[in-house]
Amino acid sequence: MKRLIVLLSIYCAALTVYASPADDLAAGNAAYAEGKFQEAVVMYEKVLDSGEFSWAVFYNLGNSYYKTGQISRAILNYEKALRLNPAQEDARFNLQLVNQLITDRRPDYAETGLMGIWNGIQRTFTVDGWAWISIGFFALIFLSYVLLYIVRIAAVKRILFAFSFLWLFLGAWAVIFAQDQYSAYYKNEGIIMADEITVGSEPKQNSTTLFILHSGTKVDILGESGDWYNVRFDPEKIGWMPKADLERITF
C-alpha cells in the first residue's frame, strides 16, 4: 500500500510538472492583459525555462519587455519569434518599430528591391511548409510520368510532358526557398545587451578600439575565442567584443 502511495505521488508530481508550462503561459497572458508587464515577463520566461517554446511565447515576451522599457530584450525575442515563424507580420512590424528606438541601425537591404520581394515570398511558409510543397510538386512529376505510360492520346501526352517540367521548375524553387529558410533559422547572430560596448581589434582587454555599439544592435557572429566574440556590424565594421555583453538568437 505504501509503495502504491509513493507511485501515485510521483505520478501526480509528473502531471504537475507537465501542466506547469501551460499554467505559466495562461498566467503570463492574464498578467499582460491586466497591465502587469513585469509579472508577465517572469511567467513567460518560466515557460521558456521549462523547454516549451513557440513563436507566440517569444512574441508575447517581446511585447512584455517592450512595455517595461527593456528594448534590447524585446528585440531579441521578436527576432526569435520570426526565426520560428517568418510569416508573422505582427512580430515583424513590432521589431521594425522598436528598431527605430536604438542608436545603431544598419541598412536592412533584405527588405528593399528584389531582395525584399524574394524574402517576402520566402517567408510565406516555414522550412517545413516549403519542404512539403516541394514534395507535392515532385509527387505530381511522378504522377505525370505514370500517366504518360497509361494515356494513349498524343495531345494529352504532350500536355503531361509539359506539365512535368513545370512541376520540376516549381519544385526546385520550393527546395531553394526551404534551404534559404533553413539557413536563416541557423544564422549566427546576436543582440547587444550592454548599454554601450567597445569593439576592439583583438580578443582581449585594452585592445585598439575600432568602433562603439549600443544596446539593441544586431550583429553577425563570425567566430569566438575564449570569452570573446568576433562580430560584424557591417562589412566595414568587424571586431571583438565580450561574450557577456551579447545574447545569441538561438534556442
Protein backbone atom coordinates (compact mmCIF):
# COMPACT_ATOMS: atom_id res chain seq x y z
CA MET A 1 0.00 0.00 0.00
CA LYS A 2 2.83 2.34 0.95
CA ARG A 3 4.55 1.62 -2.39
CA LEU A 4 1.30 2.41 -4.25
CA ILE A 5 1.02 5.78 -2.46
CA VAL A 6 4.62 6.64 -3.42
CA LEU A 7 3.99 5.73 -7.06
CA LEU A 8 0.80 7.81 -7.12
CA SER A 9 2.68 10.75 -5.61
CA ILE A 10 5.36 10.50 -8.30
CA TYR A 11 2.68 10.27 -10.99
CA CYS A 12 0.85 13.33 -9.66
CA ALA A 13 4.11 15.27 -9.45
CA ALA A 14 4.88 14.37 -13.05
CA LEU A 15 1.46 15.59 -14.15
CA THR A 16 2.01 18.86 -12.26
CA VAL A 17 5.36 19.42 -13.98
CA TYR A 18 3.88 18.61 -17.36
CA ALA A 19 0.97 21.02 -16.85
CA SER A 20 3.00 23.91 -15.43
CA PRO A 21 4.15 25.48 -18.74
CA ALA A 22 0.51 25.84 -19.83
CA ASP A 23 -0.38 27.28 -16.45
CA ASP A 24 2.55 29.71 -16.60
CA LEU A 25 1.56 30.75 -20.12
CA ALA A 26 -2.02 31.39 -19.03
CA ALA A 27 -0.75 33.36 -16.02
CA GLY A 28 1.53 35.40 -18.30
CA ASN A 29 -1.32 36.18 -20.67
CA ALA A 30 -3.54 37.20 -17.75
CA ALA A 31 -0.83 39.42 -16.26
CA TYR A 32 -0.25 41.11 -19.61
CA ALA A 33 -3.97 41.73 -20.08
CA GLU A 34 -4.06 43.37 -16.63
CA GLY A 35 -1.08 45.60 -17.45
CA LYS A 36 1.27 43.74 -15.08
CA PHE A 37 4.03 43.55 -17.67
CA GLN A 38 6.95 42.67 -15.37
CA GLU A 39 4.91 39.81 -13.93
CA ALA A 40 4.14 38.69 -17.49
CA VAL A 41 7.88 38.70 -18.26
CA VAL A 42 8.52 36.39 -15.29
CA MET A 43 5.80 33.93 -16.32
CA TYR A 44 6.79 33.82 -20.00
CA GLU A 45 10.44 33.27 -19.01
CA LYS A 46 9.30 30.37 -16.83
CA VAL A 47 7.61 28.82 -19.86
CA LEU A 48 10.85 29.08 -21.83
CA ASP A 49 12.91 27.73 -18.92
CA SER A 50 10.72 24.61 -18.96
CA GLY A 51 11.84 23.91 -22.53
CA GLU A 52 8.44 24.67 -24.03
CA PHE A 53 8.54 27.45 -26.59
CA SER A 54 6.79 28.73 -29.69
CA TRP A 55 6.82 31.89 -31.76
CA ALA A 56 3.81 33.14 -29.77
CA VAL A 57 5.63 32.87 -26.43
CA PHE A 58 8.62 34.80 -27.79
CA TYR A 59 6.30 37.37 -29.36
CA ASN A 60 4.36 37.88 -26.12
CA LEU A 61 7.61 38.08 -24.18
CA GLY A 62 8.92 40.66 -26.64
CA ASN A 63 5.79 42.74 -26.13
CA SER A 64 6.17 42.47 -22.35
CA TYR A 65 9.81 43.55 -22.45
CA TYR A 66 8.87 46.47 -24.70
CA LYS A 67 6.20 47.58 -22.23
CA THR A 68 8.76 47.50 -19.41
CA GLY A 69 11.23 49.57 -21.43
CA GLN A 70 13.74 46.74 -21.99
CA ILE A 71 14.22 47.39 -25.68
CA SER A 72 17.18 45.07 -26.31
CA ARG A 73 15.30 42.16 -24.74
CA ALA A 74 12.23 43.00 -26.81
CA ILE A 75 14.31 42.95 -30.00
CA LEU A 76 15.90 39.62 -29.04
CA ASN A 77 12.52 37.95 -28.54
CA TYR A 78 10.93 39.41 -31.67
CA GLU A 79 13.91 38.05 -33.61
CA LYS A 80 13.38 34.62 -32.08
CA ALA A 81 9.66 34.72 -32.88
CA LEU A 82 10.49 35.44 -36.52
CA ARG A 83 13.02 32.62 -36.63
CA LEU A 84 10.21 30.23 -35.73
CA ASN A 85 7.53 31.91 -37.84
CA PRO A 86 8.96 34.19 -40.58
CA ALA A 87 5.47 34.95 -41.87
CA GLN A 88 4.36 36.56 -38.57
CA GLU A 89 3.81 40.15 -39.69
CA ASP A 90 2.84 41.46 -36.24
CA ALA A 91 6.23 40.41 -34.86
CA ARG A 92 7.96 41.91 -37.90
CA PHE A 93 6.08 45.20 -37.53
CA ASN A 94 6.90 45.42 -33.82
CA LEU A 95 10.55 44.61 -34.49
CA GLN A 96 10.75 47.41 -37.05
CA LEU A 97 9.08 49.72 -34.54
CA VAL A 98 11.50 49.04 -31.68
CA ASN A 99 14.49 49.14 -34.02
CA GLN A 100 13.68 52.82 -34.53
CA LEU A 101 14.47 53.35 -30.84
CA ILE A 102 18.06 52.10 -30.85
CA THR A 103 21.22 54.07 -31.61
CA ASP A 104 22.93 51.87 -34.23
CA ARG A 105 20.74 50.94 -37.18
CA ARG A 106 22.29 49.23 -40.17
CA PRO A 107 20.51 49.38 -43.55
CA ASP A 108 18.09 46.49 -43.97
CA TYR A 109 18.81 45.57 -47.58
CA ALA A 110 16.84 42.35 -47.13
CA GLU A 111 13.60 44.36 -47.17
CA THR A 112 14.26 46.51 -50.25
CA GLY A 113 14.29 45.97 -54.01
CA LEU A 114 14.44 42.48 -55.48
CA MET A 115 15.81 41.09 -52.23
CA GLY A 116 12.71 42.35 -50.44
CA ILE A 117 10.45 40.65 -52.98
CA TRP A 118 12.47 37.42 -52.71
CA ASN A 119 12.32 37.39 -48.91
CA GLY A 120 8.63 38.29 -48.95
CA ILE A 121 7.91 35.16 -50.99
CA GLN A 122 10.35 33.06 -48.98
CA ARG A 123 8.76 33.78 -45.62
CA THR A 124 5.27 32.91 -46.85
CA PHE A 125 5.92 29.43 -45.45
CA THR A 126 8.24 27.86 -42.89
CA VAL A 127 11.02 25.41 -43.79
CA ASP A 128 8.61 22.52 -43.27
CA GLY A 129 5.97 24.25 -45.37
CA TRP A 130 8.31 24.70 -48.34
CA ALA A 131 9.59 21.14 -47.91
CA TRP A 132 6.06 19.73 -48.13
CA ILE A 133 5.30 21.91 -51.15
CA SER A 134 8.40 20.58 -52.93
CA ILE A 135 7.37 17.01 -52.09
CA GLY A 136 3.95 17.74 -53.54
CA PHE A 137 5.41 19.00 -56.82
CA PHE A 138 7.74 16.01 -57.12
CA ALA A 139 4.77 13.72 -56.47
CA LEU A 140 2.99 15.45 -59.36
CA ILE A 141 6.03 14.76 -61.56
CA PHE A 142 5.85 11.07 -60.68
CA LEU A 143 2.10 11.03 -61.35
CA SER A 144 2.62 12.78 -64.70
CA TYR A 145 5.11 10.13 -65.85
CA VAL A 146 2.82 7.32 -64.71
CA LEU A 147 0.01 8.83 -66.78
CA LEU A 148 2.36 9.17 -69.76
CA TYR A 149 2.62 5.38 -69.87
CA ILE A 150 -1.12 4.91 -69.45
CA VAL A 151 -2.61 7.58 -71.72
CA ARG A 152 -2.59 6.82 -75.45
CA ILE A 153 -3.73 10.19 -76.81
CA ALA A 154 -0.74 12.10 -78.22
CA ALA A 155 -2.06 15.59 -77.35
CA VAL A 156 -2.62 14.59 -73.73
CA LYS A 157 0.88 13.08 -73.58
CA ARG A 158 2.39 16.38 -74.73
CA ILE A 159 0.42 18.29 -72.10
CA LEU A 160 1.51 15.89 -69.35
CA PHE A 161 5.13 16.13 -70.50
CA ALA A 162 5.00 19.94 -70.45
CA PHE A 163 3.40 19.99 -67.00
CA SER A 164 6.05 17.62 -65.65
CA PHE A 165 8.68 20.28 -66.46
CA LEU A 166 6.52 22.94 -64.80
CA TRP A 167 6.26 20.80 -61.63
CA LEU A 168 10.02 20.27 -61.72
CA PHE A 169 10.64 24.01 -62.02
CA LEU A 170 8.28 24.89 -59.18
CA GLY A 171 9.54 22.05 -57.00
CA ALA A 172 13.13 23.21 -57.46
CA TRP A 173 12.20 26.74 -56.37
CA ALA A 174 10.39 25.34 -53.32
CA VAL A 175 13.59 23.48 -52.39
CA ILE A 176 15.62 26.70 -52.79
CA PHE A 177 13.19 28.62 -50.56
CA ALA A 178 13.30 25.83 -47.96
CA GLN A 179 17.11 25.93 -48.00
CA ASP A 180 17.11 29.71 -47.57
CA GLN A 181 14.69 29.45 -44.65
CA TYR A 182 16.85 26.73 -43.09
CA SER A 183 19.97 28.90 -43.42
CA ALA A 184 18.14 31.90 -41.91
CA TYR A 185 16.96 29.78 -38.96
CA TYR A 186 20.54 28.81 -38.07
CA LYS A 187 22.14 32.15 -38.91
CA ASN A 188 24.66 33.04 -36.21
CA GLU A 189 23.55 36.44 -34.94
CA GLY A 190 23.17 38.16 -31.60
CA ILE A 191 21.74 41.23 -29.88
CA ILE A 192 23.91 43.53 -27.75
CA MET A 193 22.58 43.77 -24.20
CA ALA A 194 25.03 46.24 -22.65
CA ASP A 195 24.21 49.95 -22.84
CA GLU A 196 27.46 50.58 -24.72
CA ILE A 197 30.32 48.30 -25.75
CA THR A 198 33.71 48.95 -27.29
CA VAL A 199 34.57 46.66 -30.19
CA GLY A 200 38.31 46.02 -30.28
CA SER A 201 40.89 44.77 -32.73
CA GLU A 202 41.79 41.69 -30.65
CA PRO A 203 40.04 39.28 -28.24
CA LYS A 204 41.48 40.85 -25.10
CA GLN A 205 41.08 43.79 -22.76
CA ASN A 206 42.61 47.13 -23.77
CA SER A 207 42.96 46.23 -27.45
CA THR A 208 42.73 49.02 -30.02
CA THR A 209 39.20 50.45 -30.18
CA LEU A 210 37.68 50.05 -33.63
CA PHE A 211 34.15 51.32 -33.04
CA ILE A 212 31.39 51.54 -30.42
CA LEU A 213 27.98 49.84 -30.47
CA HIS A 214 24.95 50.25 -28.24
CA SER A 215 22.13 48.27 -26.68
CA GLY A 216 19.72 46.52 -29.06
CA THR A 217 22.10 46.36 -32.02
CA LYS A 218 22.08 43.15 -34.03
CA VAL A 219 25.45 41.80 -35.17
CA ASP A 220 26.68 38.78 -37.09
CA ILE A 221 28.83 36.39 -35.05
CA LEU A 222 31.79 35.33 -37.17
CA GLY A 223 33.73 33.36 -34.57
CA GLU A 224 34.80 33.19 -30.95
CA SER A 225 37.91 32.96 -28.81
CA GLY A 226 37.61 32.29 -25.08
CA ASP A 227 35.26 34.91 -23.60
CA TRP A 228 35.14 36.95 -26.82
CA TYR A 229 33.03 37.03 -29.97
CA ASN A 230 34.26 38.20 -33.35
CA VAL A 231 31.32 40.27 -34.61
CA ARG A 232 30.34 42.20 -37.73
CA PHE A 233 28.04 45.18 -37.73
CA ASP A 234 28.52 45.90 -41.42
CA PRO A 235 31.19 44.97 -43.99
CA GLU A 236 33.48 47.74 -42.75
CA LYS A 237 32.95 47.23 -39.02
CA ILE A 238 34.34 43.93 -37.73
CA GLY A 239 35.99 43.35 -34.36
CA TRP A 240 35.95 41.62 -30.98
CA MET A 241 33.58 42.10 -28.04
CA PRO A 242 32.95 40.28 -24.70
CA LYS A 243 30.51 37.38 -24.84
CA ALA A 244 28.86 38.59 -21.63
CA ASP A 245 27.51 41.68 -23.43
CA LEU A 246 25.68 39.78 -26.17
CA GLU A 247 22.75 37.35 -26.37
CA ARG A 248 22.69 34.96 -29.32
CA ILE A 249 19.49 34.45 -31.28
CA THR A 250 19.32 30.72 -30.67
CA PHE A 251 17.01 28.22 -29.00
